[in-house]
Amino acid sequence: MKPELIYKQTYQESQKHLNRLKSGFNALKTRGFLPLDEEKINSILEDDFTLAILDQIVYRFSKLQDSLSKLIKSYLYMKGENVENLTMIDILHKLEKLDLGIGTSY
């Protein structure tokens, strides 16, 4: 599959996960659970519906991370970079060297 097509599909996938994350956080905010604290977390753990919202947030965050990794790799492929056997940290370093505004300080 062409890198351009992979990039487009992965971008759309990332947007879907991001929108679902926003929806989950909005649902928590609407129910008065944000900002989170120990008492609110304990309340969430006792309410199956709100716990399902939190599960959705965790799931979508994980999926968004995966999608962003694919998105970055496909972008670099489009730019002619070979990142097939690189770790994610090496890929981020490559982005930084290309001066794409992504830092790796943690």
PDB file of N, CA and C in Angstrom:
ATOM      1  N   MET A   1       0.848  -1.176   0.000  1.00  0.00           N
ATOM      2  CA  MET A   1       0.000   0.000   0.000  1.00  0.00           C
ATOM      3  C   MET A   1       0.898   1.245   0.000  1.00  0.00           C
ATOM      4  N   LYS A   2       0.491   2.253  -0.719  1.00  0.00           N
ATOM      5  CA  LYS A   2       1.277   3.483  -0.825  1.00  0.00           C
ATOM      6  C   LYS A   2       1.291   4.244   0.507  1.00  0.00           C
ATOM      7  N   PRO A   3       2.442   4.842   0.847  1.00  0.00           N
ATOM      8  CA  PRO A   3       2.532   5.614   2.091  1.00  0.00           C
ATOM      9  C   PRO A   3       1.496   6.735   2.175  1.00  0.00           C
ATOM     10  N   GLU A   4       1.170   7.352   1.048  1.00  0.00           N
ATOM     11  CA  GLU A   4       0.187   8.442   1.050  1.00  0.00           C
ATOM     12  C   GLU A   4      -1.188   7.935   1.487  1.00  0.00           C
ATOM     13  N   LEU A   5      -1.552   6.749   1.016  1.00  0.00           N
ATOM     14  CA  LEU A   5      -2.849   6.166   1.387  1.00  0.00           C
ATOM     15  C   LEU A   5      -2.851   5.746   2.852  1.00  0.00           C
ATOM     16  N   ILE A   6      -1.744   5.147   3.286  1.00  0.00           N
ATOM     17  CA  ILE A   6      -1.623   4.765   4.698  1.00  0.00           C
ATOM     18  C   ILE A   6      -1.720   6.007   5.577  1.00  0.00           C
ATOM     19  N   TYR A   7      -1.052   7.078   5.168  1.00  0.00           N
ATOM     20  CA  TYR A   7      -1.084   8.326   5.931  1.00  0.00           C
ATOM     21  C   TYR A   7      -2.514   8.850   6.038  1.00  0.00           C
ATOM     22  N   LYS A   8      -3.212   8.889   4.923  1.00  0.00           N
ATOM     23  CA  LYS A   8      -4.581   9.415   4.914  1.00  0.00           C
ATOM     24  C   LYS A   8      -5.501   8.574   5.795  1.00  0.00           C
ATOM     25  N   GLN A   9      -5.421   7.264   5.659  1.00  0.00           N
ATOM     26  CA  GLN A   9      -6.275   6.381   6.457  1.00  0.00           C
ATOM     27  C   GLN A   9      -5.944   6.484   7.943  1.00  0.00           C
ATOM     28  N   THR A  10      -4.653   6.542   8.245  1.00  0.00           N
ATOM     29  CA  THR A  10      -4.242   6.623   9.644  1.00  0.00           C
ATOM     30  C   THR A  10      -4.612   7.970  10.253  1.00  0.00           C
ATOM     31  N   TYR A  11      -4.535   9.027   9.461  1.00  0.00           N
ATOM     32  CA  TYR A  11      -4.965  10.342   9.939  1.00  0.00           C
ATOM     33  C   TYR A  11      -6.442  10.306  10.307  1.00  0.00           C
ATOM     34  N   GLN A  12      -7.263   9.724   9.451  1.00  0.00           N
ATOM     35  CA  GLN A  12      -8.697   9.614   9.716  1.00  0.00           C
ATOM     36  C   GLN A  12      -8.962   8.771  10.964  1.00  0.00           C
ATOM     37  N   GLU A  13      -8.212   7.697  11.106  1.00  0.00           N
ATOM     38  CA  GLU A  13      -8.332   6.840  12.287  1.00  0.00           C
ATOM     39  C   GLU A  13      -7.957   7.613  13.550  1.00  0.00           C
ATOM     40  N   SER A  14      -6.880   8.382  13.474  1.00  0.00           N
ATOM     41  CA  SER A  14      -6.444   9.181  14.620  1.00  0.00           C
ATOM     42  C   SER A  14      -7.510  10.200  15.017  1.00  0.00           C
ATOM     43  N   GLN A  15      -8.116  10.819  14.023  1.00  0.00           N
ATOM     44  CA  GLN A  15      -9.182  11.793  14.289  1.00  0.00           C
ATOM     45  C   GLN A  15     -10.365  11.132  14.992  1.00  0.00           C
ATOM     46  N   LYS A  16     -10.702   9.919  14.575  1.00  0.00           N
ATOM     47  CA  LYS A  16     -11.803   9.189  15.205  1.00  0.00           C
ATOM     48  C   LYS A  16     -11.499   8.936  16.680  1.00  0.00           C
ATOM     49  N   HIS A  17     -10.281   8.473  16.962  1.00  0.00           N
ATOM     50  CA  HIS A  17      -9.905   8.211  18.355  1.00  0.00           C
ATOM     51  C   HIS A  17      -9.877   9.504  19.169  1.00  0.00           C
ATOM     52  N   LEU A  18      -9.366  10.571  18.581  1.00  0.00           N
ATOM     53  CA  LEU A  18      -9.319  11.853  19.274  1.00  0.00           C
ATOM     54  C   LEU A  18     -10.729  12.363  19.587  1.00  0.00           C
ATOM     55  N   ASN A  19     -11.627  12.244  18.633  1.00  0.00           N
ATOM     56  CA  ASN A  19     -13.014  12.681  18.858  1.00  0.00           C
ATOM     57  C   ASN A  19     -13.689  11.869  19.957  1.00  0.00           C
ATOM     58  N   ARG A  20     -13.432  10.567  19.983  1.00  0.00           N
ATOM     59  CA  ARG A  20     -14.015   9.726  21.038  1.00  0.00           C
ATOM     60  C   ARG A  20     -13.418  10.069  22.398  1.00  0.00           C
ATOM     61  N   LEU A  21     -12.130  10.397  22.414  1.00  0.00           N
ATOM     62  CA  LEU A  21     -11.505  10.839  23.665  1.00  0.00           C
ATOM     63  C   LEU A  21     -12.157  12.116  24.176  1.00  0.00           C
ATOM     64  N   LYS A  22     -12.333  13.074  23.278  1.00  0.00           N
ATOM     65  CA  LYS A  22     -12.988  14.335  23.652  1.00  0.00           C
ATOM     66  C   LYS A  22     -14.386  14.079  24.183  1.00  0.00           C
ATOM     67  N   SER A  23     -15.107  13.193  23.529  1.00  0.00           N
ATOM     68  CA  SER A  23     -16.465  12.851  23.964  1.00  0.00           C
ATOM     69  C   SER A  23     -16.455  12.257  25.367  1.00  0.00           C
ATOM     70  N   GLY A  24     -15.506  11.362  25.619  1.00  0.00           N
ATOM     71  CA  GLY A  24     -15.406  10.760  26.946  1.00  0.00           C
ATOM     72  C   GLY A  24     -15.089  11.782  28.021  1.00  0.00           C
ATOM     73  N   PHE A  25     -14.132  12.665  27.733  1.00  0.00           N
ATOM     74  CA  PHE A  25     -13.797  13.702  28.711  1.00  0.00           C
ATOM     75  C   PHE A  25     -14.956  14.673  28.923  1.00  0.00           C
ATOM     76  N   ASN A  26     -15.673  14.999  27.854  1.00  0.00           N
ATOM     77  CA  ASN A  26     -16.851  15.868  28.000  1.00  0.00           C
ATOM     78  C   ASN A  26     -17.915  15.213  28.862  1.00  0.00           C
ATOM     79  N   ALA A  27     -18.091  13.902  28.693  1.00  0.00           N
ATOM     80  CA  ALA A  27     -19.073  13.182  29.507  1.00  0.00           C
ATOM     81  C   ALA A  27     -18.671  13.212  30.979  1.00  0.00           C
ATOM     82  N   LEU A  28     -17.396  13.038  31.272  1.00  0.00           N
ATOM     83  CA  LEU A  28     -16.943  13.125  32.664  1.00  0.00           C
ATOM     84  C   LEU A  28     -17.129  14.537  33.208  1.00  0.00           C
ATOM     85  N   LYS A  29     -16.821  15.523  32.390  1.00  0.00           N
ATOM     86  CA  LYS A  29     -16.963  16.915  32.821  1.00  0.00           C
ATOM     87  C   LYS A  29     -18.423  17.251  33.098  1.00  0.00           C
ATOM     88  N   THR A  30     -19.307  16.825  32.201  1.00  0.00           N
ATOM     89  CA  THR A  30     -20.739  17.082  32.362  1.00  0.00           C
ATOM     90  C   THR A  30     -21.274  16.468  33.652  1.00  0.00           C
ATOM     91  N   ARG A  31     -20.740  15.326  34.022  1.00  0.00           N
ATOM     92  CA  ARG A  31     -21.187  14.639  35.242  1.00  0.00           C
ATOM     93  C   ARG A  31     -20.469  15.135  36.495  1.00  0.00           C
ATOM     94  N   GLY A  32     -19.601  16.146  36.326  1.00  0.00           N
ATOM     95  CA  GLY A  32     -18.936  16.763  37.476  1.00  0.00           C
ATOM     96  C   GLY A  32     -17.723  16.007  37.990  1.00  0.00           C
ATOM     97  N   PHE A  33     -17.150  15.133  37.169  1.00  0.00           N
ATOM     98  CA  PHE A  33     -16.010  14.347  37.619  1.00  0.00           C
ATOM     99  C   PHE A  33     -14.656  14.959  37.276  1.00  0.00           C
ATOM    100  N   LEU A  34     -14.645  16.070  36.583  1.00  0.00           N
ATOM    101  CA  LEU A  34     -13.376  16.728  36.256  1.00  0.00           C
ATOM    102  C   LEU A  34     -13.295  18.050  36.971  1.00  0.00           C
ATOM    103  N   PRO A  35     -12.165  18.411  37.498  1.00  0.00           N
ATOM    104  CA  PRO A  35     -10.934  17.637  37.509  1.00  0.00           C
ATOM    105  C   PRO A  35     -11.049  16.441  38.456  1.00  0.00           C
ATOM    106  N   LEU A  36     -10.305  15.391  38.151  1.00  0.00           N
ATOM    107  CA  LEU A  36     -10.333  14.174  38.958  1.00  0.00           C
ATOM    108  C   LEU A  36      -9.596  14.386  40.277  1.00  0.00           C
ATOM    109  N   ASP A  37     -10.112  13.768  41.298  1.00  0.00           N
ATOM    110  CA  ASP A  37      -9.408  13.671  42.577  1.00  0.00           C
ATOM    111  C   ASP A  37      -9.746  12.293  43.146  1.00  0.00           C
ATOM    112  N   GLU A  38      -9.200  11.975  44.280  1.00  0.00           N
ATOM    113  CA  GLU A  38      -9.385  10.634  44.848  1.00  0.00           C
ATOM    114  C   GLU A  38     -10.858  10.316  45.101  1.00  0.00           C
ATOM    115  N   GLU A  39     -11.585  11.262  45.621  1.00  0.00           N
ATOM    116  CA  GLU A  39     -13.010  11.046  45.920  1.00  0.00           C
ATOM    117  C   GLU A  39     -13.813  10.783  44.636  1.00  0.00           C
ATOM    118  N   LYS A  40     -13.534  11.553  43.598  1.00  0.00           N
ATOM    119  CA  LYS A  40     -14.250  11.381  42.330  1.00  0.00           C
ATOM    120  C   LYS A  40     -13.892  10.048  41.673  1.00  0.00           C
ATOM    121  N   ILE A  41     -12.638   9.659  41.778  1.00  0.00           N
ATOM    122  CA  ILE A  41     -12.230   8.365  41.220  1.00  0.00           C
ATOM    123  C   ILE A  41     -12.948   7.234  41.941  1.00  0.00           C
ATOM    124  N   ASN A  42     -13.044   7.314  43.252  1.00  0.00           N
ATOM    125  CA  ASN A  42     -13.768   6.292  44.002  1.00  0.00           C
ATOM    126  C   ASN A  42     -15.242   6.242  43.600  1.00  0.00           C
ATOM    127  N   SER A  43     -15.841   7.404  43.348  1.00  0.00           N
ATOM    128  CA  SER A  43     -17.233   7.449  42.887  1.00  0.00           C
ATOM    129  C   SER A  43     -17.381   6.815  41.514  1.00  0.00           C
ATOM    130  N   ILE A  44     -16.430   7.095  40.628  1.00  0.00           N
ATOM    131  CA  ILE A  44     -16.456   6.510  39.285  1.00  0.00           C
ATOM    132  C   ILE A  44     -16.388   4.988  39.372  1.00  0.00           C
ATOM    133  N   LEU A  45     -15.524   4.492  40.252  1.00  0.00           N
ATOM    134  CA  LEU A  45     -15.338   3.048  40.372  1.00  0.00           C
ATOM    135  C   LEU A  45     -16.586   2.333  40.885  1.00  0.00           C
ATOM    136  N   GLU A  46     -17.490   3.072  41.514  1.00  0.00           N
ATOM    137  CA  GLU A  46     -18.728   2.487  42.026  1.00  0.00           C
ATOM    138  C   GLU A  46     -19.893   2.604  41.049  1.00  0.00           C
ATOM    139  N   ASP A  47     -19.705   3.327  39.954  1.00  0.00           N
ATOM    140  CA  ASP A  47     -20.777   3.565  38.978  1.00  0.00           C
ATOM    141  C   ASP A  47     -20.381   2.941  37.635  1.00  0.00           C
ATOM    142  N   ASP A  48     -21.080   1.870  37.248  1.00  0.00           N
ATOM    143  CA  ASP A  48     -20.726   1.140  36.024  1.00  0.00           C
ATOM    144  C   ASP A  48     -20.769   2.015  34.776  1.00  0.00           C
ATOM    145  N   PHE A  49     -21.739   2.908  34.675  1.00  0.00           N
ATOM    146  CA  PHE A  49     -21.854   3.740  33.480  1.00  0.00           C
ATOM    147  C   PHE A  49     -20.657   4.685  33.352  1.00  0.00           C
ATOM    148  N   THR A  50     -20.320   5.349  34.439  1.00  0.00           N
ATOM    149  CA  THR A  50     -19.196   6.282  34.407  1.00  0.00           C
ATOM    150  C   THR A  50     -17.877   5.529  34.274  1.00  0.00           C
ATOM    151  N   LEU A  51     -17.790   4.350  34.861  1.00  0.00           N
ATOM    152  CA  LEU A  51     -16.600   3.526  34.710  1.00  0.00           C
ATOM    153  C   LEU A  51     -16.412   3.136  33.242  1.00  0.00           C
ATOM    154  N   ALA A  52     -17.510   2.875  32.540  1.00  0.00           N
ATOM    155  CA  ALA A  52     -17.428   2.562  31.108  1.00  0.00           C
ATOM    156  C   ALA A  52     -16.880   3.755  30.321  1.00  0.00           C
ATOM    157  N   ILE A  53     -17.235   4.958  30.727  1.00  0.00           N
ATOM    158  CA  ILE A  53     -16.692   6.157  30.078  1.00  0.00           C
ATOM    159  C   ILE A  53     -15.184   6.225  30.302  1.00  0.00           C
ATOM    160  N   LEU A  54     -14.750   5.955  31.510  1.00  0.00           N
ATOM    161  CA  LEU A  54     -13.324   5.964  31.816  1.00  0.00           C
ATOM    162  C   LEU A  54     -12.593   4.872  31.032  1.00  0.00           C
ATOM    163  N   ASP A  55     -13.213   3.700  30.923  1.00  0.00           N
ATOM    164  CA  ASP A  55     -12.631   2.625  30.112  1.00  0.00           C
ATOM    165  C   ASP A  55     -12.484   3.066  28.655  1.00  0.00           C
ATOM    166  N   GLN A  56     -13.482   3.764  28.142  1.00  0.00           N
ATOM    167  CA  GLN A  56     -13.424   4.269  26.770  1.00  0.00           C
ATOM    168  C   GLN A  56     -12.251   5.222  26.604  1.00  0.00           C
ATOM    169  N   ILE A  57     -12.045   6.091  27.570  1.00  0.00           N
ATOM    170  CA  ILE A  57     -10.946   7.057  27.508  1.00  0.00           C
ATOM    171  C   ILE A  57      -9.606   6.327  27.472  1.00  0.00           C
ATOM    172  N   VAL A  58      -9.432   5.348  28.336  1.00  0.00           N
ATOM    173  CA  VAL A  58      -8.178   4.597  28.380  1.00  0.00           C
ATOM    174  C   VAL A  58      -7.951   3.854  27.061  1.00  0.00           C
ATOM    175  N   TYR A  59      -8.994   3.198  26.560  1.00  0.00           N
ATOM    176  CA  TYR A  59      -8.896   2.453  25.306  1.00  0.00           C
ATOM    177  C   TYR A  59      -8.555   3.385  24.147  1.00  0.00           C
ATOM    178  N   ARG A  60      -9.269   4.491  24.033  1.00  0.00           N
ATOM    179  CA  ARG A  60      -9.043   5.407  22.914  1.00  0.00           C
ATOM    180  C   ARG A  60      -7.679   6.082  22.986  1.00  0.00           C
ATOM    181  N   PHE A  61      -7.199   6.350  24.194  1.00  0.00           N
ATOM    182  CA  PHE A  61      -5.862   6.927  24.332  1.00  0.00           C
ATOM    183  C   PHE A  61      -4.819   5.952  23.796  1.00  0.00           C
ATOM    184  N   SER A  62      -4.957   4.689  24.153  1.00  0.00           N
ATOM    185  CA  SER A  62      -4.041   3.655  23.675  1.00  0.00           C
ATOM    186  C   SER A  62      -4.101   3.533  22.158  1.00  0.00           C
ATOM    187  N   LYS A  63      -5.300   3.524  21.599  1.00  0.00           N
ATOM    188  CA  LYS A  63      -5.462   3.425  20.147  1.00  0.00           C
ATOM    189  C   LYS A  63      -4.903   4.666  19.447  1.00  0.00           C
ATOM    190  N   LEU A  64      -5.077   5.834  20.053  1.00  0.00           N
ATOM    191  CA  LEU A  64      -4.544   7.062  19.468  1.00  0.00           C
ATOM    192  C   LEU A  64      -3.017   7.009  19.434  1.00  0.00           C
ATOM    193  N   GLN A  65      -2.395   6.511  20.489  1.00  0.00           N
ATOM    194  CA  GLN A  65      -0.941   6.366  20.492  1.00  0.00           C
ATOM    195  C   GLN A  65      -0.485   5.471  19.339  1.00  0.00           C
ATOM    196  N   ASP A  66      -1.157   4.349  19.155  1.00  0.00           N
ATOM    197  CA  ASP A  66      -0.811   3.435  18.063  1.00  0.00           C
ATOM    198  C   ASP A  66      -0.978   4.118  16.704  1.00  0.00           C
ATOM    199  N   SER A  67      -2.076   4.823  16.544  1.00  0.00           N
ATOM    200  CA  SER A  67      -2.347   5.509  15.283  1.00  0.00           C
ATOM    201  C   SER A  67      -1.317   6.593  14.997  1.00  0.00           C
ATOM    202  N   LEU A  68      -0.943   7.336  16.024  1.00  0.00           N
ATOM    203  CA  LEU A  68       0.045   8.396  15.834  1.00  0.00           C
ATOM    204  C   LEU A  68       1.397   7.817  15.443  1.00  0.00           C
ATOM    205  N   SER A  69       1.740   6.670  15.987  1.00  0.00           N
ATOM    206  CA  SER A  69       2.976   6.011  15.601  1.00  0.00           C
ATOM    207  C   SER A  69       2.947   5.659  14.111  1.00  0.00           C
ATOM    208  N   LYS A  70       1.850   5.079  13.653  1.00  0.00           N
ATOM    209  CA  LYS A  70       1.701   4.748  12.229  1.00  0.00           C
ATOM    210  C   LYS A  70       1.710   6.005  11.369  1.00  0.00           C
ATOM    211  N   LEU A  71       1.072   7.039  11.855  1.00  0.00           N
ATOM    212  CA  LEU A  71       0.995   8.295  11.116  1.00  0.00           C
ATOM    213  C   LEU A  71       2.388   8.887  10.917  1.00  0.00           C
ATOM    214  N   ILE A  72       3.170   8.902  11.968  1.00  0.00           N
ATOM    215  CA  ILE A  72       4.525   9.439  11.888  1.00  0.00           C
ATOM    216  C   ILE A  72       5.373   8.607  10.933  1.00  0.00           C
ATOM    217  N   LYS A  73       5.278   7.287  11.044  1.00  0.00           N
ATOM    218  CA  LYS A  73       6.062   6.417  10.156  1.00  0.00           C
ATOM    219  C   LYS A  73       5.674   6.629   8.698  1.00  0.00           C
ATOM    220  N   SER A  74       4.384   6.689   8.417  1.00  0.00           N
ATOM    221  CA  SER A  74       3.964   6.869   7.029  1.00  0.00           C
ATOM    222  C   SER A  74       4.385   8.238   6.505  1.00  0.00           C
ATOM    223  N   TYR A  75       4.368   9.254   7.364  1.00  0.00           N
ATOM    224  CA  TYR A  75       4.830  10.582   6.955  1.00  0.00           C
ATOM    225  C   TYR A  75       6.308  10.529   6.563  1.00  0.00           C
ATOM    226  N   LEU A  76       7.105   9.865   7.386  1.00  0.00           N
ATOM    227  CA  LEU A  76       8.530   9.769   7.092  1.00  0.00           C
ATOM    228  C   LEU A  76       8.790   8.967   5.824  1.00  0.00           C
ATOM    229  N   TYR A  77       8.008   7.924   5.598  1.00  0.00           N
ATOM    230  CA  TYR A  77       8.135   7.168   4.347  1.00  0.00           C
ATOM    231  C   TYR A  77       7.850   8.071   3.149  1.00  0.00           C
ATOM    232  N   MET A  78       6.829   8.911   3.269  1.00  0.00           N
ATOM    233  CA  MET A  78       6.495   9.833   2.183  1.00  0.00           C
ATOM    234  C   MET A  78       7.641  10.808   1.920  1.00  0.00           C
ATOM    235  N   LYS A  79       8.399  11.116   2.964  1.00  0.00           N
ATOM    236  CA  LYS A  79       9.541  12.029   2.837  1.00  0.00           C
ATOM    237  C   LYS A  79      10.811  11.298   2.404  1.00  0.00           C
ATOM    238  N   GLY A  80      10.687   9.993   2.119  1.00  0.00           N
ATOM    239  CA  GLY A  80      11.827   9.226   1.636  1.00  0.00           C
ATOM    240  C   GLY A  80      12.716   8.644   2.714  1.00  0.00           C
ATOM    241  N   GLU A  81      12.256   8.667   3.955  1.00  0.00           N
ATOM    242  CA  GLU A  81      13.041   8.132   5.072  1.00  0.00           C
ATOM    243  C   GLU A  81      12.690   6.664   5.299  1.00  0.00           C
ATOM    244  N   ASN A  82      13.686   5.846   5.566  1.00  0.00           N
ATOM    245  CA  ASN A  82      13.455   4.438   5.882  1.00  0.00           C
ATOM    246  C   ASN A  82      13.424   4.288   7.396  1.00  0.00           C
ATOM    247  N   VAL A  83      12.277   3.994   7.938  1.00  0.00           N
ATOM    248  CA  VAL A  83      12.123   3.863   9.388  1.00  0.00           C
ATOM    249  C   VAL A  83      11.612   2.480   9.782  1.00  0.00           C
ATOM    250  N   GLU A  84      11.688   1.552   8.849  1.00  0.00           N
ATOM    251  CA  GLU A  84      11.098   0.231   9.054  1.00  0.00           C
ATOM    252  C   GLU A  84      11.605  -0.476  10.305  1.00  0.00           C
ATOM    253  N   ASN A  85      12.906  -0.438  10.569  1.00  0.00           N
ATOM    254  CA  ASN A  85      13.464  -1.186  11.695  1.00  0.00           C
ATOM    255  C   ASN A  85      13.864  -0.297  12.868  1.00  0.00           C
ATOM    256  N   LEU A  86      13.375   0.935  12.887  1.00  0.00           N
ATOM    257  CA  LEU A  86      13.725   1.857  13.968  1.00  0.00           C
ATOM    258  C   LEU A  86      12.738   1.751  15.126  1.00  0.00           C
ATOM    259  N   THR A  87      13.248   1.964  16.332  1.00  0.00           N
ATOM    260  CA  THR A  87      12.366   2.059  17.493  1.00  0.00           C
ATOM    261  C   THR A  87      11.653   3.410  17.450  1.00  0.00           C
ATOM    262  N   MET A  88      10.612   3.552  18.251  1.00  0.00           N
ATOM    263  CA  MET A  88       9.856   4.805  18.249  1.00  0.00           C
ATOM    264  C   MET A  88      10.726   5.976  18.706  1.00  0.00           C
ATOM    265  N   ILE A  89      11.594   5.754  19.671  1.00  0.00           N
ATOM    266  CA  ILE A  89      12.447   6.846  20.135  1.00  0.00           C
ATOM    267  C   ILE A  89      13.413   7.274  19.031  1.00  0.00           C
ATOM    268  N   ASP A  90      13.909   6.310  18.246  1.00  0.00           N
ATOM    269  CA  ASP A  90      14.781   6.648  17.119  1.00  0.00           C
ATOM    270  C   ASP A  90      14.009   7.411  16.042  1.00  0.00           C
ATOM    271  N   ILE A  91      12.759   7.039  15.852  1.00  0.00           N
ATOM    272  CA  ILE A  91      11.911   7.745  14.887  1.00  0.00           C
ATOM    273  C   ILE A  91      11.681   9.182  15.340  1.00  0.00           C
ATOM    274  N   LEU A  92      11.450   9.367  16.633  1.00  0.00           N
ATOM    275  CA  LEU A  92      11.262  10.722  17.158  1.00  0.00           C
ATOM    276  C   LEU A  92      12.544  11.546  17.021  1.00  0.00           C
ATOM    277  N   HIS A  93      13.687  10.906  17.239  1.00  0.00           N
ATOM    278  CA  HIS A  93      14.956  11.609  17.035  1.00  0.00           C
ATOM    279  C   HIS A  93      15.116  12.020  15.576  1.00  0.00           C
ATOM    280  N   LYS A  94      14.703  11.152  14.665  1.00  0.00           N
ATOM    281  CA  LYS A  94      14.780  11.468  13.238  1.00  0.00           C
ATOM    282  C   LYS A  94      13.884  12.668  12.918  1.00  0.00           C
ATOM    283  N   LEU A  95      12.696  12.688  13.493  1.00  0.00           N
ATOM    284  CA  LEU A  95      11.801  13.840  13.292  1.00  0.00           C
ATOM    285  C   LEU A  95      12.443  15.122  13.795  1.00  0.00           C
ATOM    286  N   GLU A  96      13.081  15.004  14.952  1.00  0.00           N
ATOM    287  CA  GLU A  96      13.739  16.175  15.532  1.00  0.00           C
ATOM    288  C   GLU A  96      14.871  16.667  14.624  1.00  0.00           C
ATOM    289  N   LYS A  97      15.646  15.738  14.072  1.00  0.00           N
ATOM    290  CA  LYS A  97      16.736  16.110  13.163  1.00  0.00           C
ATOM    291  C   LYS A  97      16.210  16.761  11.889  1.00  0.00           C
ATOM    292  N   LEU A  98      15.014  16.358  11.477  1.00  0.00           N
ATOM    293  CA  LEU A  98      14.402  16.964  10.287  1.00  0.00           C
ATOM    294  C   LEU A  98      13.762  18.301  10.610  1.00  0.00           C
ATOM    295  N   ASP A  99      13.868  18.724  11.888  1.00  0.00           N
ATOM    296  CA  ASP A  99      13.360  20.010  12.353  1.00  0.00           C
ATOM    297  C   ASP A  99      11.867  20.157  12.106  1.00  0.00           C
ATOM    298  N   LEU A 100      11.116  19.135  12.550  1.00  0.00           N
ATOM    299  CA  LEU A 100       9.678  19.162  12.390  1.00  0.00           C
ATOM    300  C   LEU A 100       8.953  19.619  13.653  1.00  0.00           C
ATOM    301  N   GLY A 101       9.679  20.188  14.566  1.00  0.00           N
ATOM    302  CA  GLY A 101       9.068  20.785  15.754  1.00  0.00           C
ATOM    303  C   GLY A 101       8.642  19.796  16.804  1.00  0.00           C
ATOM    304  N   ILE A 102       9.171  18.567  16.734  1.00  0.00           N
ATOM    305  CA  ILE A 102       8.812  17.567  17.721  1.00  0.00           C
ATOM    306  C   ILE A 102      10.042  17.304  18.565  1.00  0.00           C
ATOM    307  N   GLY A 103       9.926  17.591  19.847  1.00  0.00           N
ATOM    308  CA  GLY A 103      11.050  17.375  20.745  1.00  0.00           C
ATOM    309  C   GLY A 103      10.958  16.026  21.418  1.00  0.00           C
ATOM    310  N   THR A 104      12.081  15.580  21.955  1.00  0.00           N
ATOM    311  CA  THR A 104      12.103  14.279  22.635  1.00  0.00           C
ATOM    312  C   THR A 104      12.507  14.423  24.087  1.00  0.00           C
ATOM    313  N   SER A 105      12.424  15.605  24.641  1.00  0.00           N
ATOM    314  CA  SER A 105      12.794  15.762  26.045  1.00  0.00           C
ATOM    315  C   SER A 105      11.668  15.208  26.915  1.00  0.00           C
ATOM    316  N   TYR A 106      12.054  14.471  27.926  1.00  0.00           N
ATOM    317  CA  TYR A 106      11.052  13.876  28.820  1.00  0.00           C
ATOM    318  C   TYR A 106      11.420  14.091  30.237  1.00  0.00           C
TER     319      TYR A 106
END
